[in-house]
Amino acid sequence: MLNYSKSKPLFILAMTIDAPNTAIKTHKLKKIKQSFTSLLISNLLCPYGKAQALYWDKDTPNLGLRITENGSKAFIFEASLNNNTIRITIGNVTNCSIEEARARVIKLKSLVNQGIDPRKLANKKVANFISAKDLAITRKAQSATLHSAWLEYITAHENKWSARRQQRHLKLISATSNKLAHTLNSVESLADIKLTELSIPKISEWVEAFISKDQLNTQYTVKLLKAFFAWCNTHEAYQEVISNQFMQEMVNLIKTITPHEKPMYLSNNQLSHWFNAVNQIHNNEISTYLKVLLLTGRREAEIANLQWSDINFDALTISISNNEESHLIPLTPHVASLLNNIANDESRIFNNLTNLSHAHILACKNAGLSLSISALRTSFTLFSEWVETPTGITAQIQDIDIKGISAHHFIERPIELLQKWHNKIEAWILEQVAV
């Protein structure tokens, strides 16, 4: 009696009887094929006890689906070349659509028909061959936004950039999380635009929107944007989107931003005019905030984010947080009196800095000055020299990057020594105001 195997559903068994020996031989005929659909692929399984199973597409010869015992599913290409079977993995079904797989199989088959083994070719040398990596790169370039690409840009430089520089870039592309979003020159409004849709006209619109508020920072931010695009221009996925022509247009755009005309600092004979104008600002928090910026020499965001718990009126210290670290600077007498005049009913000291930039521009106009808020930090550095403050003291108070200054300046000074010099700087500034 003949026993027909029922354990191999993908093959039809046929018999031929050799007359002299009446021997029975089995031959595997054509593989059973089905038209691949998303629903079919999701329902196909690897038989129990098998390491893998292969299924084949009815509509596209040579296109197969391999399913492993752990449930992984991938499209494959299989063909015969020089009497040998070659098999190439096209891509996982989660990353490669059926249409993409079929298109790749057709191109791979055209190579095989020419007697070319695709496995031995460098992908970039054959225009008709699109590898799984090439597909992933193309899809990445098409879906990437300025925000997602910039995050990748930051990650690529995390071992080269300081923590502060990384934070600066993070704030640049997500300033909406900061209470100073309206005063910081960010590219947040461009963040959700896809790189493929980004254009010089759109960037020019952004420039026009910000340049009237803070010309210096706009020019600086556009240069950072250009550096980001230069990185994209060398990236395997983004270089086709950010072309050499795009880069040249960015260079031309930067040239259209006229040099900053505002002075980079307050002079000593301008101090009284600036203080008087700032005192006229109706919003007491903005007025206090601007004066504290000048008298501490710290960064805008550091002062804006101060909590009442950071102020110690007994020890006369301010705890400044920066990049998940904090260190103490002196709480000088006038700064202490300014803070005492703010209502202490919330955890954050400054809660009403709306229209800060506009208020400062108007105050400077009333004083006959033209000055950016960021220039207040530079002014403090200059004023510290009038009382011959050691460079290392100033650098520690302001948390200036130490790389550009001699190592002996960076001995960690005790807070009492910082207090001595910081009080001198404040007293000198107030003397100029009283003149």
Protein backbone atom coordinates (compact mmCIF):
# COMPACT_ATOMS: atom_id res chain seq x y z
CA MET A 1 0.00 0.00 0.00
CA LEU A 2 1.24 3.45 -0.84
CA ASN A 3 1.47 6.03 1.94
CA TYR A 4 0.98 9.62 0.76
CA SER A 5 2.55 12.23 2.96
CA LYS A 6 0.17 14.86 4.31
CA SER A 7 2.85 16.73 6.25
CA LYS A 8 4.07 18.96 3.40
CA PRO A 9 1.13 21.14 2.26
CA LEU A 10 3.28 23.36 0.04
CA PHE A 11 4.20 20.60 -2.33
CA ILE A 12 2.25 18.17 -4.50
CA LEU A 13 3.72 14.70 -4.59
CA ALA A 14 3.81 12.80 -7.85
CA MET A 15 4.79 9.20 -8.55
CA THR A 16 6.39 7.51 -11.48
CA ILE A 17 6.78 3.76 -11.67
CA ASP A 18 9.95 2.38 -13.09
CA ALA A 19 8.76 -0.69 -14.99
CA PRO A 20 11.72 -2.96 -14.37
CA ASN A 21 12.15 -2.15 -10.69
CA THR A 22 8.66 -0.87 -9.92
CA ALA A 23 10.47 1.64 -7.70
CA ILE A 24 8.52 4.64 -6.51
CA LYS A 25 10.10 8.13 -6.86
CA THR A 26 8.70 11.39 -5.52
CA HIS A 27 9.23 14.77 -7.19
CA LYS A 28 8.51 18.18 -5.71
CA LEU A 29 6.44 20.17 -8.13
CA LYS A 30 5.68 23.90 -8.11
CA LYS A 31 5.50 25.77 -4.84
CA ILE A 32 2.04 26.88 -3.93
CA LYS A 33 1.75 30.66 -4.34
CA GLN A 34 -0.69 33.24 -3.06
CA SER A 35 -1.15 36.95 -3.76
CA PHE A 36 0.51 38.81 -0.91
CA THR A 37 -1.73 41.21 0.98
CA SER A 38 -1.25 42.85 4.36
CA LEU A 39 -4.01 40.70 5.83
CA LEU A 40 -2.54 37.48 4.42
CA ILE A 41 0.95 38.30 5.69
CA SER A 42 -0.34 39.11 9.16
CA ASN A 43 -2.11 35.72 9.32
CA LEU A 44 0.72 33.55 8.00
CA LEU A 45 2.62 31.60 10.65
CA CYS A 46 5.63 29.38 10.94
CA PRO A 47 4.51 25.77 11.48
CA TYR A 48 5.11 24.43 14.95
CA GLY A 49 8.48 22.71 15.31
CA LYS A 50 9.94 24.35 12.19
CA ALA A 51 12.82 26.82 12.32
CA GLN A 52 11.36 28.80 9.45
CA ALA A 53 8.76 28.70 6.69
CA LEU A 54 8.78 30.19 3.19
CA TYR A 55 5.77 31.54 1.33
CA TRP A 56 5.74 32.92 -2.22
CA ASP A 57 3.94 35.75 -3.97
CA LYS A 58 1.69 34.80 -6.87
CA ASP A 59 1.86 38.24 -8.52
CA THR A 60 5.65 38.76 -8.43
CA PRO A 61 7.94 35.83 -9.30
CA ASN A 62 10.94 35.44 -7.02
CA LEU A 63 9.33 37.35 -4.14
CA GLY A 64 9.06 35.32 -0.97
CA LEU A 65 8.18 35.76 2.66
CA ARG A 66 10.31 34.11 5.32
CA ILE A 67 8.80 33.56 8.77
CA THR A 68 11.00 32.31 11.60
CA GLU A 69 9.86 30.37 14.62
CA ASN A 70 10.02 33.52 16.78
CA GLY A 71 7.49 35.23 14.47
CA SER A 72 9.88 37.50 12.56
CA LYS A 73 8.70 38.13 8.99
CA ALA A 74 10.87 39.38 6.15
CA PHE A 75 10.57 39.66 2.38
CA ILE A 76 13.18 37.76 0.41
CA PHE A 77 14.32 37.51 -3.19
CA GLU A 78 15.23 34.10 -4.56
CA ALA A 79 16.45 33.28 -8.05
CA SER A 80 18.71 30.92 -9.94
CA LEU A 81 22.02 32.20 -11.26
CA ASN A 82 24.56 29.95 -12.98
CA ASN A 83 22.69 26.86 -11.74
CA ASN A 84 22.96 28.13 -8.18
CA THR A 85 20.19 29.48 -6.00
CA ILE A 86 20.77 32.94 -4.56
CA ARG A 87 18.66 34.44 -1.82
CA ILE A 88 18.67 38.06 -0.63
CA THR A 89 16.77 39.51 2.33
CA ILE A 90 14.87 42.60 1.18
CA GLY A 91 13.59 43.87 4.49
CA ASN A 92 11.40 43.26 7.50
CA VAL A 93 7.68 43.56 6.77
CA THR A 94 7.37 46.34 9.37
CA ASN A 95 9.90 48.50 7.52
CA CYS A 96 9.19 47.53 3.92
CA SER A 97 5.80 47.59 2.21
CA ILE A 98 4.65 44.94 -0.26
CA GLU A 99 4.88 47.48 -3.09
CA GLU A 100 8.46 48.35 -2.18
CA ALA A 101 9.38 44.67 -1.97
CA ARG A 102 7.88 43.95 -5.39
CA ALA A 103 9.69 46.91 -6.95
CA ARG A 104 13.00 45.73 -5.51
CA VAL A 105 12.48 42.17 -6.67
CA ILE A 106 11.90 43.36 -10.24
CA LYS A 107 15.15 45.32 -10.17
CA LEU A 108 17.08 42.48 -8.59
CA LYS A 109 15.71 40.06 -11.17
CA SER A 110 16.87 42.38 -13.98
CA LEU A 111 20.40 42.16 -12.61
CA VAL A 112 20.25 38.38 -12.40
CA ASN A 113 19.00 38.25 -16.00
CA GLN A 114 22.18 40.08 -16.97
CA GLY A 115 24.26 37.48 -15.18
CA ILE A 116 25.05 39.85 -12.30
CA ASP A 117 25.04 38.62 -8.72
CA PRO A 118 23.60 41.53 -6.68
CA ARG A 119 25.25 40.24 -3.53
CA LYS A 120 28.68 41.02 -4.93
CA LEU A 121 27.95 44.57 -5.98
CA ALA A 122 28.41 47.80 -4.07
CA ASN A 123 24.94 49.27 -3.90
CA LYS A 124 25.96 52.73 -5.08
CA LYS A 125 27.54 51.41 -8.29
CA VAL A 126 24.36 49.99 -9.77
CA ALA A 127 21.57 52.50 -10.33
CA ASN A 128 18.89 49.84 -10.65
CA PHE A 129 19.71 48.14 -7.36
CA ILE A 130 18.01 49.56 -4.29
CA SER A 131 19.15 47.90 -1.08
CA ALA A 132 17.16 47.71 2.12
CA LYS A 133 19.52 50.32 3.53
CA ASP A 134 18.86 52.62 0.58
CA LEU A 135 15.12 52.25 1.10
CA ALA A 136 15.47 53.11 4.79
CA ILE A 137 17.60 56.14 3.99
CA THR A 138 15.11 57.43 1.44
CA ARG A 139 12.16 56.99 3.77
CA LYS A 140 14.08 58.68 6.60
CA ALA A 141 14.89 61.70 4.45
CA GLN A 142 11.26 62.02 3.38
CA SER A 143 9.81 61.82 6.89
CA ALA A 144 12.42 63.80 8.87
CA THR A 145 11.43 67.18 10.27
CA LEU A 146 13.85 69.93 11.19
CA HIS A 147 13.26 69.05 14.86
CA SER A 148 13.96 65.32 14.52
CA ALA A 149 17.01 65.89 12.32
CA TRP A 150 18.39 68.52 14.70
CA LEU A 151 18.04 66.13 17.64
CA GLU A 152 20.08 63.64 15.62
CA TYR A 153 22.58 66.44 14.92
CA ILE A 154 22.95 67.07 18.66
CA THR A 155 23.36 63.35 19.39
CA ALA A 156 26.05 63.04 16.72
CA HIS A 157 28.08 65.71 18.51
CA GLU A 158 27.41 64.79 22.14
CA ASN A 159 31.00 63.60 22.62
CA LYS A 160 32.41 66.76 21.02
CA TRP A 161 30.18 69.47 22.46
CA SER A 162 30.03 70.69 26.02
CA ALA A 163 26.85 70.08 27.98
CA ARG A 164 26.07 73.80 27.81
CA ARG A 165 26.39 73.85 24.03
CA GLN A 166 24.05 70.87 23.75
CA GLN A 167 21.52 72.62 25.98
CA ARG A 168 21.77 75.75 23.84
CA HIS A 169 20.83 73.74 20.76
CA LEU A 170 17.99 71.97 22.56
CA LYS A 171 16.53 75.32 23.62
CA LEU A 172 16.96 76.60 20.11
CA ILE A 173 14.59 74.02 18.64
CA SER A 174 12.13 73.75 21.54
CA ALA A 175 11.88 77.18 23.10
CA THR A 176 8.14 76.80 23.75
CA SER A 177 8.98 74.91 26.93
CA ASN A 178 10.77 78.00 28.28
CA LYS A 179 9.01 80.94 29.88
CA LEU A 180 11.33 83.15 27.84
CA ALA A 181 10.24 81.58 24.55
CA HIS A 182 9.04 84.91 23.23
CA THR A 183 12.40 86.55 23.94
CA LEU A 184 14.69 83.76 22.85
CA ASN A 185 15.52 83.61 19.18
CA SER A 186 14.52 80.06 18.37
CA VAL A 187 13.74 78.06 15.27
CA GLU A 188 10.75 76.52 17.05
CA SER A 189 8.36 77.88 14.42
CA LEU A 190 10.26 75.88 11.78
CA ALA A 191 10.63 72.74 13.88
CA ASP A 192 7.67 70.75 12.53
CA ILE A 193 8.42 71.43 8.87
CA LYS A 194 9.77 68.44 6.97
CA LEU A 195 13.24 68.87 5.52
CA THR A 196 11.80 68.08 2.10
CA GLU A 197 9.42 71.04 2.47
CA LEU A 198 11.93 73.46 3.95
CA SER A 199 12.91 76.29 1.63
CA ILE A 200 14.94 79.46 1.68
CA PRO A 201 11.76 81.59 1.34
CA LYS A 202 10.33 79.96 4.48
CA ILE A 203 13.55 80.58 6.37
CA SER A 204 13.54 84.18 5.11
CA GLU A 205 10.03 84.63 6.52
CA TRP A 206 11.28 83.38 9.89
CA VAL A 207 14.21 85.80 9.74
CA GLU A 208 11.90 88.73 9.01
CA ALA A 209 9.70 87.77 11.98
CA PHE A 210 12.59 87.78 14.46
CA ILE A 211 15.12 90.26 13.14
CA SER A 212 13.16 93.29 14.34
CA LYS A 213 13.19 91.93 17.90
CA ASP A 214 16.84 91.03 18.22
CA GLN A 215 19.01 91.46 15.18
CA LEU A 216 22.21 90.14 16.75
CA ASN A 217 20.66 86.92 18.00
CA THR A 218 18.87 86.39 14.71
CA GLN A 219 22.15 86.58 12.83
CA TYR A 220 23.76 84.20 15.32
CA THR A 221 20.84 81.75 15.11
CA VAL A 222 20.87 81.74 11.31
CA LYS A 223 24.57 80.87 11.44
CA LEU A 224 23.76 77.94 13.73
CA LEU A 225 21.06 76.94 11.27
CA LYS A 226 23.60 77.06 8.46
CA ALA A 227 25.99 74.85 10.46
CA PHE A 228 23.15 72.36 10.97
CA PHE A 229 22.40 72.35 7.25
CA ALA A 230 26.09 71.84 6.50
CA TRP A 231 25.94 68.69 8.63
CA CYS A 232 22.81 67.57 6.78
CA ASN A 233 24.67 68.14 3.51
CA THR A 234 27.14 65.40 4.52
CA HIS A 235 24.58 63.03 6.07
CA GLU A 236 23.79 59.91 4.06
CA ALA A 237 20.03 60.42 4.37
CA TYR A 238 19.71 64.20 4.29
CA GLN A 239 22.31 65.18 1.71
CA GLU A 240 19.86 64.75 -1.17
CA VAL A 241 17.42 67.12 0.55
CA ILE A 242 19.94 69.74 1.67
CA SER A 243 21.82 70.18 -1.56
CA ASN A 244 24.89 72.26 -2.39
CA GLN A 245 22.58 74.77 -4.05
CA PHE A 246 20.55 75.05 -0.83
CA MET A 247 23.75 75.69 1.12
CA GLN A 248 24.81 78.45 -1.26
CA GLU A 249 21.41 80.12 -0.87
CA MET A 250 21.83 79.96 2.93
CA VAL A 251 25.18 81.75 2.61
CA ASN A 252 23.51 84.44 0.52
CA LEU A 253 20.70 84.76 3.08
CA ILE A 254 23.16 85.38 5.91
CA LYS A 255 24.77 88.13 3.86
CA THR A 256 21.43 89.92 3.67
CA ILE A 257 21.26 90.24 7.46
CA THR A 258 22.99 93.56 8.02
CA PRO A 259 25.66 93.79 10.72
CA HIS A 260 24.38 94.43 14.20
CA GLU A 261 24.27 98.15 14.89
CA LYS A 262 23.47 98.07 18.61
CA PRO A 263 26.41 98.49 21.01
CA MET A 264 27.57 95.30 22.67
CA TYR A 265 27.63 96.81 26.16
CA LEU A 266 26.64 99.75 28.33
CA SER A 267 29.27 102.38 28.93
CA ASN A 268 29.64 103.84 32.42
CA ASN A 269 28.13 107.20 31.36
CA GLN A 270 25.04 105.39 30.00
CA LEU A 271 24.29 103.50 33.20
CA SER A 272 22.22 106.22 34.85
CA HIS A 273 20.11 106.71 31.71
CA TRP A 274 19.50 102.97 31.42
CA PHE A 275 18.59 102.56 35.12
CA ASN A 276 16.21 105.52 35.05
CA ALA A 277 14.45 104.21 31.95
CA VAL A 278 14.16 100.68 33.35
CA ASN A 279 12.74 102.05 36.59
CA GLN A 280 9.92 103.59 34.53
CA ILE A 281 8.76 100.17 33.29
CA HIS A 282 5.30 99.58 34.80
CA ASN A 283 5.84 95.84 35.19
CA ASN A 284 7.89 95.59 38.39
CA GLU A 285 8.99 92.02 37.63
CA ILE A 286 10.44 93.02 34.25
CA SER A 287 12.17 96.04 35.75
CA THR A 288 13.66 93.93 38.56
CA TYR A 289 14.59 91.11 36.18
CA LEU A 290 16.58 93.44 33.89
CA LYS A 291 18.47 95.02 36.79
CA VAL A 292 19.26 91.62 38.33
CA LEU A 293 20.59 90.49 34.94
CA LEU A 294 22.98 93.44 34.84
CA LEU A 295 24.07 93.16 38.50
CA THR A 296 24.75 89.41 38.38
CA GLY A 297 26.10 89.10 34.83
CA ARG A 298 24.25 85.82 34.43
CA ARG A 299 22.40 84.36 31.45
CA GLU A 300 18.79 85.32 30.73
CA ALA A 301 17.31 81.86 31.23
CA GLU A 302 19.24 81.28 34.48
CA ILE A 303 17.69 84.34 36.13
CA ALA A 304 14.25 83.81 34.58
CA ASN A 305 14.09 80.28 36.03
CA LEU A 306 15.13 81.22 39.57
CA GLN A 307 13.01 79.77 42.38
CA TRP A 308 12.57 81.38 45.78
CA SER A 309 14.20 78.27 47.21
CA ASP A 310 17.38 79.24 45.32
CA ILE A 311 17.72 82.45 47.35
CA ASN A 312 19.30 82.35 50.79
CA PHE A 313 18.90 85.78 52.41
CA ASP A 314 20.73 84.66 55.56
CA ALA A 315 23.82 83.24 53.85
CA LEU A 316 23.59 85.87 51.06
CA THR A 317 23.82 83.33 48.24
CA ILE A 318 21.98 82.48 45.03
CA SER A 319 21.97 78.93 43.74
CA ILE A 320 22.16 78.93 39.95
CA SER A 321 21.12 75.76 38.14
CA ASN A 322 22.71 74.98 34.80
CA ASN A 323 22.69 71.68 32.93
CA GLU A 324 21.43 69.72 35.93
CA GLU A 325 24.22 71.20 38.08
CA SER A 326 24.05 74.08 40.50
CA HIS A 327 26.60 76.36 42.11
CA LEU A 328 26.50 79.39 44.35
CA ILE A 329 27.07 83.01 43.53
CA PRO A 330 26.85 85.93 45.95
CA LEU A 331 23.57 87.65 46.77
CA THR A 332 24.67 91.27 46.72
CA PRO A 333 22.91 93.92 48.86
CA HIS A 334 21.06 95.73 46.07
CA VAL A 335 19.95 92.52 44.37
CA ALA A 336 18.62 91.32 47.75
CA SER A 337 16.61 94.53 48.17
CA LEU A 338 15.23 94.24 44.61
CA LEU A 339 14.06 90.67 45.22
CA ASN A 340 12.47 91.64 48.51
CA ASN A 341 10.15 93.97 46.58
CA ILE A 342 8.66 91.09 44.56
CA ALA A 343 5.63 89.26 45.89
CA ASN A 344 6.70 85.88 47.25
CA ASP A 345 3.50 83.97 46.52
CA GLU A 346 4.74 81.42 43.96
CA SER A 347 7.69 79.05 43.75
CA ARG A 348 9.20 80.88 40.75
CA ILE A 349 10.46 84.42 41.34
CA PHE A 350 9.67 85.84 37.89
CA ASN A 351 6.24 84.81 36.63
CA ASN A 352 5.24 87.81 34.54
CA LEU A 353 7.87 88.46 31.89
CA THR A 354 5.42 88.80 29.01
CA ASN A 355 6.55 91.38 26.44
CA LEU A 356 9.98 91.54 28.08
CA SER A 357 11.81 92.28 24.84
CA HIS A 358 9.34 95.00 23.85
CA ALA A 359 9.55 96.62 27.29
CA HIS A 360 13.35 96.74 27.14
CA ILE A 361 13.39 98.15 23.60
CA LEU A 362 10.97 100.89 24.66
CA ALA A 363 13.01 101.68 27.80
CA CYS A 364 16.21 101.94 25.77
CA LYS A 365 14.45 104.19 23.26
CA ASN A 366 13.33 106.50 26.08
CA ALA A 367 16.93 106.58 27.34
CA GLY A 368 18.29 107.35 23.88
CA LEU A 369 20.00 103.95 23.74
CA SER A 370 19.94 100.94 21.45
CA LEU A 371 20.90 97.84 23.41
CA SER A 372 20.04 94.13 23.37
CA ILE A 373 19.21 92.27 26.58
CA SER A 374 22.13 89.92 26.01
CA ALA A 375 24.47 92.95 26.11
CA LEU A 376 23.82 93.29 29.85
CA ARG A 377 25.95 90.22 30.52
CA THR A 378 28.82 91.67 28.49
CA SER A 379 28.43 94.96 30.36
CA PHE A 380 28.93 93.23 33.72
CA THR A 381 32.19 91.74 32.47
CA LEU A 382 33.36 95.19 31.42
CA PHE A 383 32.32 96.84 34.69
CA SER A 384 34.21 94.23 36.72
CA GLU A 385 37.41 95.52 35.14
CA TRP A 386 36.80 99.03 36.47
CA VAL A 387 37.35 97.72 40.00
CA GLU A 388 40.22 95.47 38.81
CA THR A 389 38.40 92.25 39.63
CA PRO A 390 40.63 89.22 38.97
CA THR A 391 39.64 87.47 35.75
CA GLY A 392 39.06 84.18 37.54
CA ILE A 393 36.65 85.83 39.99
CA THR A 394 34.58 87.33 37.19
CA ALA A 395 34.60 84.04 35.28
CA GLN A 396 33.37 82.13 38.34
CA ILE A 397 30.60 84.63 39.11
CA GLN A 398 29.38 84.62 35.50
CA ASP A 399 30.19 80.96 34.82
CA ILE A 400 32.19 81.89 31.74
CA ASP A 401 33.66 79.04 29.68
CA ILE A 402 37.14 78.50 31.09
CA LYS A 403 38.73 77.12 27.94
CA GLY A 404 39.88 80.50 26.68
CA ILE A 405 41.55 81.64 29.89
CA SER A 406 44.74 80.52 31.61
CA ALA A 407 44.35 77.58 33.96
CA HIS A 408 45.58 79.45 37.05
CA HIS A 409 42.48 81.66 36.94
CA PHE A 410 40.23 78.70 37.69
CA ILE A 411 40.98 77.81 41.23
CA GLU A 412 37.58 77.36 42.87
CA ARG A 413 37.19 80.46 45.04
CA PRO A 414 35.18 80.33 48.28
CA ILE A 415 31.87 82.19 48.25
CA GLU A 416 33.22 84.75 50.74
CA LEU A 417 35.91 85.85 48.28
CA LEU A 418 33.40 86.06 45.46
CA GLN A 419 31.15 88.12 47.75
CA LYS A 420 33.93 90.63 48.40
CA TRP A 421 34.53 91.33 44.72
CA HIS A 422 30.92 91.07 43.61
CA ASN A 423 29.94 93.70 46.19
CA LYS A 424 32.65 95.98 44.79
CA ILE A 425 31.32 95.58 41.26
CA GLU A 426 27.76 96.33 42.35
CA ALA A 427 28.84 99.34 44.41
CA TRP A 428 30.75 100.78 41.43
CA ILE A 429 27.72 100.35 39.14
CA LEU A 430 25.42 102.06 41.65
CA GLU A 431 27.90 104.93 42.00
CA GLN A 432 27.67 105.58 38.27
CA VAL A 433 23.88 105.55 38.49
CA ALA A 434 23.94 108.12 41.32
CA VAL A 435 26.20 110.51 39.38
